[in-house]
Protein backbone atom coordinates (compact mmCIF):
# COMPACT_ATOMS: atom_id res chain seq x y z
CA MET A 1 -31.43 -2.63 10.25
CA LYS A 2 -32.76 0.92 10.83
CA PRO A 3 -32.61 3.31 7.89
CA LYS A 4 -30.13 6.23 8.24
CA LYS A 5 -30.16 9.66 6.75
CA LEU A 6 -27.63 9.91 3.95
CA ASN A 7 -25.76 12.80 5.59
CA GLU A 8 -25.31 10.71 8.68
CA VAL A 9 -23.41 7.90 6.93
CA GLN A 10 -19.73 8.27 7.56
CA THR A 11 -17.02 7.52 4.96
CA SER A 12 -13.29 7.96 5.07
CA LYS A 13 -10.08 6.73 3.43
CA SER A 14 -9.66 4.30 6.30
CA ASP A 15 -12.49 2.34 4.67
CA ARG A 16 -9.89 1.05 2.16
CA ILE A 17 -7.14 -1.51 2.47
CA ILE A 18 -4.25 0.32 0.80
CA THR A 19 -1.77 -2.28 -0.57
CA GLY A 20 1.87 -1.72 -1.35
CA ILE A 21 1.14 -2.64 -4.99
CA SER A 22 0.59 0.80 -6.59
CA GLU A 23 -0.76 -0.38 -9.85
CA PHE A 24 -3.32 -2.55 -8.08
CA ASN A 25 -4.41 0.40 -5.92
CA ARG A 26 -4.75 2.56 -9.05
CA VAL A 27 -7.15 0.14 -10.86
CA MET A 28 -9.12 -0.39 -7.71
CA GLY A 29 -9.63 3.35 -7.28
CA GLY A 30 -7.24 3.80 -4.43
CA GLY A 31 -7.27 0.51 -2.62
CA ILE A 32 -9.70 -2.31 -1.65
CA VAL A 33 -12.90 -0.99 -0.06
CA ARG A 34 -13.52 -2.97 3.14
CA ASP A 35 -17.11 -3.92 2.59
CA SER A 36 -16.78 -4.62 -1.13
CA ILE A 37 -16.79 -7.62 -3.46
CA THR A 38 -14.52 -7.68 -6.50
CA ILE A 39 -14.22 -10.25 -9.26
CA LEU A 40 -11.01 -10.74 -11.32
CA THR A 41 -11.21 -12.63 -14.61
CA ALA A 42 -8.78 -13.56 -17.36
CA LYS A 43 -7.68 -16.30 -19.75
CA PRO A 44 -6.01 -19.35 -18.15
CA GLY A 45 -2.33 -18.64 -17.32
CA ALA A 46 -2.74 -14.79 -17.28
CA GLY A 47 -1.75 -14.52 -13.61
CA LYS A 48 -5.12 -14.14 -11.71
CA SER A 49 -4.05 -16.40 -8.76
CA THR A 50 -0.53 -15.02 -8.73
CA LEU A 51 -1.66 -11.44 -8.50
CA LEU A 52 -4.19 -12.17 -5.70
CA LEU A 53 -1.60 -14.18 -3.70
CA GLN A 54 0.69 -11.15 -3.91
CA VAL A 55 -2.24 -8.94 -2.70
CA ALA A 56 -2.83 -11.44 0.19
CA GLU A 57 0.85 -11.25 1.22
CA ASP A 58 0.87 -7.43 1.14
CA ALA A 59 -2.33 -7.19 3.17
CA SER A 60 -1.07 -9.74 5.70
CA LEU A 61 2.13 -7.74 6.22
CA LYS A 62 0.00 -4.71 7.14
CA GLY A 63 -1.66 -6.68 9.89
CA TYR A 64 -4.81 -7.78 8.06
CA LYS A 65 -6.00 -11.34 8.37
CA VAL A 66 -6.39 -13.08 4.97
CA LEU A 67 -8.31 -16.20 4.10
CA TYR A 68 -7.36 -17.77 0.76
CA ALA A 69 -9.93 -20.30 -0.33
CA SER A 70 -9.28 -22.38 -3.50
CA GLY A 71 -11.46 -24.90 -5.17
CA GLU A 72 -8.93 -25.55 -7.90
CA GLU A 73 -5.59 -26.10 -6.13
CA SER A 74 -4.60 -28.14 -3.14
CA GLU A 75 -2.97 -26.45 -0.12
CA SER A 76 0.47 -27.79 -1.14
CA GLN A 77 0.08 -26.32 -4.61
CA ILE A 78 -0.75 -22.90 -3.12
CA LYS A 79 2.18 -23.18 -0.78
CA ASN A 80 4.55 -24.06 -3.69
CA ARG A 81 3.52 -20.99 -5.59
CA ALA A 82 3.80 -18.86 -2.47
CA ASP A 83 7.37 -20.11 -1.85
CA ARG A 84 8.23 -19.19 -5.40
CA ILE A 85 6.87 -15.63 -5.57
CA LEU A 86 6.51 -14.50 -1.89
CA ASN A 87 9.63 -13.80 0.08
CA ARG A 88 8.21 -12.48 3.36
CA SER A 89 6.21 -13.71 6.35
CA MET A 90 2.90 -15.46 5.73
CA ASP A 91 1.82 -15.63 9.31
CA ASN A 92 -1.48 -13.83 8.72
CA ILE A 93 -2.65 -15.91 5.70
CA TRP A 94 -4.87 -18.89 6.19
CA VAL A 95 -5.51 -21.36 3.36
CA VAL A 96 -8.50 -23.58 2.75
CA SER A 97 -8.68 -26.05 -0.14
CA ASP A 98 -12.28 -27.12 -0.59
CA THR A 99 -15.15 -26.85 -3.02
CA SER A 100 -17.81 -26.52 -0.30
CA MET A 101 -18.85 -22.89 0.28
CA ASP A 102 -20.39 -24.09 3.50
CA ASN A 103 -16.93 -25.10 4.73
CA VAL A 104 -15.49 -21.79 3.53
CA VAL A 105 -18.10 -19.90 5.60
CA SER A 106 -17.19 -21.95 8.61
CA ALA A 107 -13.53 -21.03 8.05
CA ILE A 108 -14.48 -17.36 7.78
CA ASN A 109 -16.30 -17.58 11.18
CA GLU A 110 -13.24 -19.29 12.73
CA VAL A 111 -10.45 -17.11 11.32
CA ASP A 112 -12.39 -13.81 11.25
CA PRO A 113 -10.45 -12.49 8.24
CA ASP A 114 -10.41 -8.90 6.97
CA LEU A 115 -9.78 -10.06 3.39
CA ILE A 116 -11.29 -13.17 1.73
CA ILE A 117 -9.95 -14.53 -1.59
CA VAL A 118 -11.99 -17.16 -3.42
CA ASP A 119 -10.38 -18.92 -6.41
CA SER A 120 -12.53 -19.52 -8.34
CA ILE A 121 -16.20 -18.80 -7.68
CA GLN A 122 -17.41 -21.39 -10.32
CA THR A 123 -15.78 -24.24 -8.40
CA PHE A 124 -17.86 -23.90 -5.23
CA THR A 125 -21.19 -25.28 -4.17
CA LEU A 126 -23.64 -24.68 -1.31
CA GLU A 127 -25.22 -27.75 0.14
CA GLU A 128 -28.64 -26.12 0.25
CA TYR A 129 -28.74 -26.00 -3.57
CA MET A 130 -27.56 -29.48 -4.30
CA PRO A 131 -27.75 -31.42 -6.61
CA SER A 132 -26.95 -28.41 -8.82
CA ARG A 133 -23.36 -28.91 -9.88
CA ALA A 134 -20.49 -26.50 -9.36
CA GLY A 135 -20.37 -23.83 -12.07
CA SER A 136 -24.06 -23.97 -12.75
CA PRO A 137 -25.89 -20.58 -12.73
CA THR A 138 -27.73 -21.47 -9.52
CA GLN A 139 -24.64 -22.47 -7.53
CA THR A 140 -22.42 -19.62 -8.87
CA MET A 141 -25.00 -16.95 -8.03
CA GLU A 142 -25.91 -18.34 -4.60
CA CYS A 143 -22.24 -18.68 -3.55
CA ALA A 144 -21.60 -15.15 -4.68
CA ASN A 145 -24.72 -13.93 -2.87
CA GLU A 146 -23.46 -15.58 0.37
CA LEU A 147 -20.11 -13.95 0.08
CA THR A 148 -21.77 -10.61 -0.66
CA ARG A 149 -23.81 -10.97 2.47
CA ILE A 150 -20.61 -11.63 4.48
CA ALA A 151 -18.76 -8.75 2.80
CA LYS A 152 -21.43 -6.16 3.46
CA SER A 153 -22.32 -7.07 7.04
CA SER A 154 -22.60 -3.75 8.96
CA ALA A 155 -21.39 -5.53 12.13
CA ARG A 156 -18.23 -6.98 10.51
CA PRO A 157 -17.51 -5.59 7.03
CA ARG A 158 -14.92 -7.56 4.99
CA ALA A 159 -13.33 -7.24 1.58
CA VAL A 160 -13.90 -10.17 -0.89
CA LEU A 161 -11.83 -10.82 -3.94
CA LEU A 162 -13.19 -13.49 -6.31
CA VAL A 163 -11.57 -15.21 -9.36
CA GLY A 164 -13.98 -15.71 -12.17
CA GLN A 165 -13.37 -18.17 -14.98
CA MET A 166 -13.49 -16.74 -18.51
CA ASN A 167 -15.45 -18.35 -21.34
CA LYS A 168 -14.49 -18.76 -24.99
CA ASN A 169 -16.11 -15.33 -25.73
CA GLU A 170 -13.60 -13.78 -23.27
CA GLU A 171 -16.40 -12.96 -20.77
CA ILE A 172 -16.96 -14.07 -17.18
CA ALA A 173 -18.41 -17.58 -17.25
CA GLY A 174 -22.05 -17.79 -16.02
CA LEU A 175 -24.87 -15.38 -15.71
CA ARG A 176 -24.42 -11.66 -16.53
CA ALA A 177 -26.14 -11.13 -13.21
CA LEU A 178 -22.80 -12.02 -11.50
CA GLU A 179 -21.27 -8.89 -12.88
CA HIS A 180 -24.15 -6.80 -11.70
CA LEU A 181 -23.89 -8.29 -8.21
CA VAL A 182 -20.21 -7.41 -7.53
CA ASP A 183 -18.86 -3.93 -6.93
CA THR A 184 -15.83 -4.12 -9.19
CA VAL A 185 -14.96 -6.23 -12.27
CA LEU A 186 -11.23 -6.47 -13.17
CA ILE A 187 -10.04 -8.08 -16.42
CA ILE A 188 -6.40 -9.15 -17.00
CA ASP A 189 -5.44 -8.75 -20.63
CA GLY A 190 -2.35 -10.65 -21.81
CA GLU A 191 -1.39 -14.03 -23.29
CA SER A 192 0.34 -16.64 -21.14
CA GLY A 193 3.44 -16.56 -23.28
CA GLU A 194 3.88 -12.73 -23.13
CA GLU A 195 5.37 -10.59 -20.41
CA LEU A 196 2.95 -7.60 -20.44
CA ARG A 197 -0.29 -7.69 -18.42
CA GLY A 198 -2.90 -5.00 -18.39
CA VAL A 199 -5.50 -5.02 -15.67
CA THR A 200 -8.61 -3.04 -16.56
CA ALA A 201 -11.65 -2.12 -14.43
CA SER A 202 -14.67 -2.66 -16.64
CA LYS A 203 -16.87 -1.80 -13.64
CA ASN A 204 -16.02 0.01 -10.44
CA ARG A 205 -18.43 1.46 -7.98
CA PHE A 206 -15.58 3.10 -6.04
CA GLY A 207 -13.27 4.39 -8.79
CA SER A 208 -12.94 5.10 -12.54
CA THR A 209 -14.40 2.61 -14.92
CA GLY A 210 -11.87 1.91 -17.70
CA GLU A 211 -8.93 2.58 -15.48
CA THR A 212 -5.95 0.41 -16.46
CA SER A 213 -2.86 -0.78 -14.64
CA PHE A 214 0.19 -2.55 -16.12
CA PHE A 215 2.26 -5.41 -14.82
CA SER A 216 5.15 -7.48 -16.04
CA MET A 217 4.86 -11.27 -15.52
CA THR A 218 8.15 -12.52 -14.32
CA GLU A 219 9.37 -15.60 -12.39
CA ASP A 220 8.88 -13.61 -9.22
CA GLY A 221 5.20 -12.89 -9.97
CA MET A 222 3.45 -9.76 -11.26
CA THR A 223 5.78 -6.73 -11.11
CA PRO A 224 4.02 -3.33 -11.40
CA ILE A 225 5.05 -1.08 -14.31
CA GLU A 226 4.92 2.27 -12.57
CA ASN A 227 6.04 4.35 -15.61
CA PRO A 228 4.39 2.69 -18.64
CA SER A 229 5.69 5.38 -21.03
CA GLU A 230 9.21 4.12 -20.57
CA TYR A 231 8.06 0.52 -21.12
CA PHE A 232 6.30 1.29 -24.35
CA MET A 233 9.22 3.23 -25.99
CA THR A 234 12.56 2.03 -27.25
CA GLN A 235 15.32 3.83 -25.32
CA ARG A 236 17.66 5.40 -27.96
CA GLU A 237 20.34 8.06 -27.99
CA SER A 238 18.79 11.51 -28.43
CA ASN A 239 20.37 12.07 -31.89
CA MET A 240 19.47 8.59 -33.19
CA ASP A 241 16.51 8.54 -35.62
CA VAL A 242 15.35 5.13 -36.85
CA SER A 243 13.13 4.85 -39.95
CA GLY A 244 9.73 3.28 -39.44
CA CYS A 245 9.12 4.63 -35.91
CA ALA A 246 6.65 7.27 -34.72
CA LEU A 247 5.52 8.24 -31.20
CA THR A 248 2.06 9.23 -29.91
CA VAL A 249 0.23 9.58 -26.63
CA VAL A 250 -2.67 7.21 -25.77
CA ARG A 251 -4.95 7.24 -22.76
CA GLU A 252 -5.37 4.00 -20.70
CA GLY A 253 -8.03 4.78 -18.16
CA THR A 254 -7.23 8.27 -16.76
CA ARG A 255 -3.49 8.00 -17.52
CA PRO A 256 -1.67 9.35 -20.61
CA ILE A 257 1.06 7.01 -21.92
CA ILE A 258 3.71 7.65 -24.60
CA VAL A 259 3.64 4.73 -27.15
CA GLU A 260 5.99 3.98 -29.96
CA ILE A 261 4.58 2.58 -33.18
CA GLU A 262 6.83 0.70 -35.61
CA SER A 263 6.13 -0.04 -39.27
CA LEU A 264 7.97 -2.05 -41.90
CA VAL A 265 7.27 -1.45 -45.58
CA ALA A 266 8.83 -3.92 -47.97
CA THR A 267 8.39 -4.81 -51.64
CA THR A 268 6.15 -7.79 -52.28
CA PHE A 269 6.68 -10.35 -55.00
CA THR A 270 3.08 -11.75 -54.83
CA PRO A 271 -0.14 -10.28 -56.40
CA TYR A 272 -1.59 -9.49 -53.01
CA PRO A 273 0.53 -7.51 -50.53
CA SER A 274 0.21 -8.29 -46.84
CA ARG A 275 -1.22 -5.94 -44.26
CA ILE A 276 -0.26 -7.29 -40.82
CA SER A 277 -0.73 -5.89 -37.32
CA GLU A 278 -1.03 -7.65 -33.94
CA ASN A 279 -1.99 -4.43 -32.21
CA LEU A 280 -4.31 -2.62 -34.62
CA LYS A 281 -7.51 -3.89 -36.20
CA ARG A 282 -6.98 -5.03 -39.78
CA GLU A 283 -9.88 -2.90 -41.08
CA GLN A 284 -8.34 0.16 -39.39
CA LEU A 285 -4.93 -0.53 -40.91
CA ASN A 286 -6.38 -1.03 -44.41
CA THR A 287 -8.29 2.21 -44.06
CA LEU A 288 -5.21 4.20 -43.01
CA ILE A 289 -3.15 2.74 -45.90
CA SER A 290 -5.95 3.75 -48.29
CA ILE A 291 -5.89 7.34 -46.94
CA LEU A 292 -2.10 7.41 -47.14
CA GLU A 293 -2.16 6.29 -50.82
CA GLN A 294 -4.97 8.60 -51.93
CA ARG A 295 -4.31 11.72 -49.77
CA GLY A 296 -0.65 11.36 -49.01
CA GLY A 297 0.70 10.34 -52.43
CA ILE A 298 2.58 7.26 -51.12
CA GLU A 299 2.17 4.23 -53.39
CA LEU A 300 1.89 0.99 -51.46
CA PHE A 301 0.04 -1.27 -53.92
CA ASN A 302 3.25 -3.41 -54.37
CA LYS A 303 4.36 -3.20 -50.69
CA ASN A 304 3.86 -5.37 -47.60
CA VAL A 305 3.06 -3.30 -44.60
CA VAL A 306 3.63 -4.59 -41.06
CA VAL A 307 2.64 -2.49 -38.01
CA LYS A 308 3.17 -3.08 -34.28
CA SER A 309 3.48 -1.19 -31.02
CA THR A 310 6.56 -1.44 -28.81
CA GLY A 311 5.62 -3.52 -25.76
CA GLY A 312 2.59 -5.02 -27.38
CA LEU A 313 0.02 -2.44 -26.28
CA GLN A 314 -3.26 -2.66 -28.18
CA LEU A 315 -3.97 0.43 -30.22
CA ARG A 316 -7.64 1.06 -29.55
CA GLU A 317 -7.88 4.87 -29.85
CA GLN A 318 -8.34 6.86 -33.01
CA SER A 319 -5.75 9.31 -31.71
CA VAL A 320 -2.97 6.85 -32.88
CA ASN A 321 -3.96 7.17 -36.57
CA LEU A 322 -1.59 10.00 -37.53
CA ALA A 323 1.31 8.26 -35.79
CA VAL A 324 0.56 4.95 -37.47
CA ILE A 325 0.55 6.67 -40.91
CA MET A 326 3.72 8.68 -40.15
CA SER A 327 5.56 5.49 -39.14
CA ILE A 328 4.55 3.87 -42.46
CA VAL A 329 5.70 6.93 -44.37
CA SER A 330 8.99 6.96 -42.43
CA SER A 331 9.55 3.31 -43.42
CA ALA A 332 8.52 3.83 -47.05
CA LYS A 333 10.89 6.76 -47.39
CA ASP A 334 13.55 5.13 -45.26
CA LYS A 335 13.87 8.40 -43.35
CA GLY A 336 13.82 8.63 -39.57
CA ILE A 337 11.64 10.88 -37.51
CA SER A 338 13.26 12.77 -34.58
CA ASN A 339 12.60 10.78 -31.40
CA ASP A 340 11.60 14.01 -29.56
CA THR A 341 8.54 14.36 -31.85
CA LEU A 342 4.93 13.18 -31.30
CA PHE A 343 1.84 12.83 -33.53
CA ILE A 344 -1.54 13.15 -31.79
CA ALA A 345 -4.48 13.30 -34.12
CA ASP A 346 -7.05 11.32 -35.96
CA ILE A 347 -7.36 11.44 -39.74
CA GLY A 348 -10.55 11.63 -41.87
CA LEU A 349 -11.01 10.03 -45.19
CA THR A 350 -10.45 13.48 -46.71
CA GLY A 351 -6.91 13.46 -45.37
CA GLU A 352 -7.77 16.22 -42.81
CA LEU A 353 -6.49 15.97 -39.28
CA LYS A 354 -9.16 15.70 -36.56
CA ARG A 355 -8.94 16.63 -32.91
CA VAL A 356 -8.87 13.91 -30.26
CA PRO A 357 -10.28 13.82 -26.70
CA SER A 358 -8.30 14.99 -23.65
CA LEU A 359 -5.61 16.59 -25.93
CA GLU A 360 -4.50 18.98 -23.22
CA THR A 361 -3.77 16.10 -20.82
CA ARG A 362 -1.76 14.26 -23.49
CA LEU A 363 0.24 17.36 -24.30
CA LYS A 364 1.05 18.01 -20.60
CA GLU A 365 2.37 14.44 -20.28
CA ALA A 366 4.49 14.87 -23.42
CA ASP A 367 5.87 18.15 -21.98
CA ARG A 368 6.61 16.42 -18.66
CA MET A 369 8.53 13.69 -20.42
CA GLY A 370 10.66 16.30 -22.24
CA PHE A 371 9.41 16.00 -25.83
CA LYS A 372 10.11 18.93 -28.14
CA LYS A 373 7.37 18.81 -30.88
CA ALA A 374 3.79 17.57 -31.15
CA TYR A 375 1.77 17.58 -34.33
CA VAL A 376 -1.97 18.10 -33.76
CA ALA A 377 -5.05 19.12 -35.74
CA LYS A 378 -5.65 22.85 -36.47
CA LYS A 379 -7.74 24.58 -33.83
CA SER A 380 -7.79 21.59 -31.56
CA ILE A 381 -6.41 23.36 -28.52
CA THR A 382 -9.22 25.27 -26.77
CA LYS A 383 -7.21 26.85 -23.94
CA LYS A 384 -3.74 28.26 -23.27
CA LEU A 385 -1.28 25.66 -21.95
CA ASP A 386 1.74 26.37 -19.88
CA LEU A 387 4.23 24.05 -21.60
CA LYS A 388 7.93 24.33 -20.80
CA ASN A 389 9.56 22.00 -23.31
CA LEU A 390 6.92 21.26 -26.03
CA GLU A 391 6.18 23.12 -29.25
CA VAL A 392 2.70 22.33 -30.51
CA ILE A 393 2.51 22.37 -34.30
CA GLU A 394 -1.03 22.64 -35.69
CA ARG A 395 -1.63 21.41 -39.25
CA ASN A 396 -4.75 20.98 -41.42
CA THR A 397 -3.98 17.90 -43.48
CA LEU A 398 -1.86 14.76 -43.67
CA ASN A 399 0.12 16.25 -46.58
CA ASP A 400 0.94 19.29 -44.46
CA VAL A 401 2.47 17.02 -41.78
CA ILE A 402 4.41 14.86 -44.24
CA THR A 403 5.89 17.93 -45.95
CA HIS A 404 6.85 19.60 -42.70
CA VAL A 405 8.45 16.43 -41.27
CA PHE A 406 10.26 15.10 -44.32
CA GLU A 407 10.94 17.89 -46.78
CA PRO A 408 14.21 19.85 -46.42
CA ARG A 409 13.75 23.30 -44.94
CA ALA A 410 15.22 24.94 -48.05
CA LYS A 411 12.76 23.13 -50.27
CA ARG A 412 9.92 24.52 -48.17
CA GLY A 413 11.23 28.01 -48.70
CA MET A 414 12.51 28.33 -45.13
CA PRO A 415 15.94 29.48 -43.99
CA PHE A 416 18.37 26.95 -42.58
């Protein structure tokens, strides 16, 4: 192949296969690049095969030829799943059930597909590298190399989607070199017994790394959650305040999402109170409770504290810390916080509020959603914002926020 000058190389949006699954397009960076290779991994039962079968159906309906190669399921098993979750024509989808990559390559040459799905890469072997077994580093890498060669052919570029098995450390099984070889790595986060699925791009040469999309696993397959903020909040009447709840804004990839945090504070009758959270690290929860006791004056030494997020979203950002503490205070005082109020700040060990990244983006999303108040750290806004609904309240310390939210206006020396 002759080298080309970089400015002579042509690119356009037509180089992507744009599916009708909006959340999948988002995490891929706008669609599937035609000459790319992507690997999707997750725990067993998370929905890898289901999602890719839905992608196959959508691409086929747009006129693309799709080859679905499986080394784990028979053709009848694939058809049974397709009959359950797909409800449209499957004329452009070809299926091959085999563990021989040589036979898959022959099928590619025969069908001439635009999109190739391989489930899973660790189950295939190339005859040239026998007697290495399927799943061995040699077979896995050489099968992936063969598919990369096919995908990136300048004469006939194709998109390849691989399923990668996950090991006990929740990483792609096999050599780390497999992740370096592919263009995009997608990870599905979610337990088989839960409804929520998050799909995150841990690597993407054609989009934002860290971008996350959300799906709901139902009997009909993976359903995109196009407005996650509504999914991660409890829908209540505007004048209904429930104790133990506080709202914040997190960022999943490039997207700000409103999240509700719930807390339950209850008297314990044992020497060691429980601190429980499925969505927050135990060490982080213990630290926040210590800050609240020492800097906020709320005694919890004889209380069990349980914290969770509505919808089961993992609370990874430090920006949730103020909301977590305020939800605990709300439960401890048995006083509700207005459901048009947000808390967006980190908290230091001194009890001082700290600014968080991308605050302006979070505030704009809160304003768009119609919220009325947002508590943030003092001097954390660096530019003027054009907010229509939202009042931004800047405070220095945790005590300032607790007093402003829970103390009667008359007690604060303010007129009614």
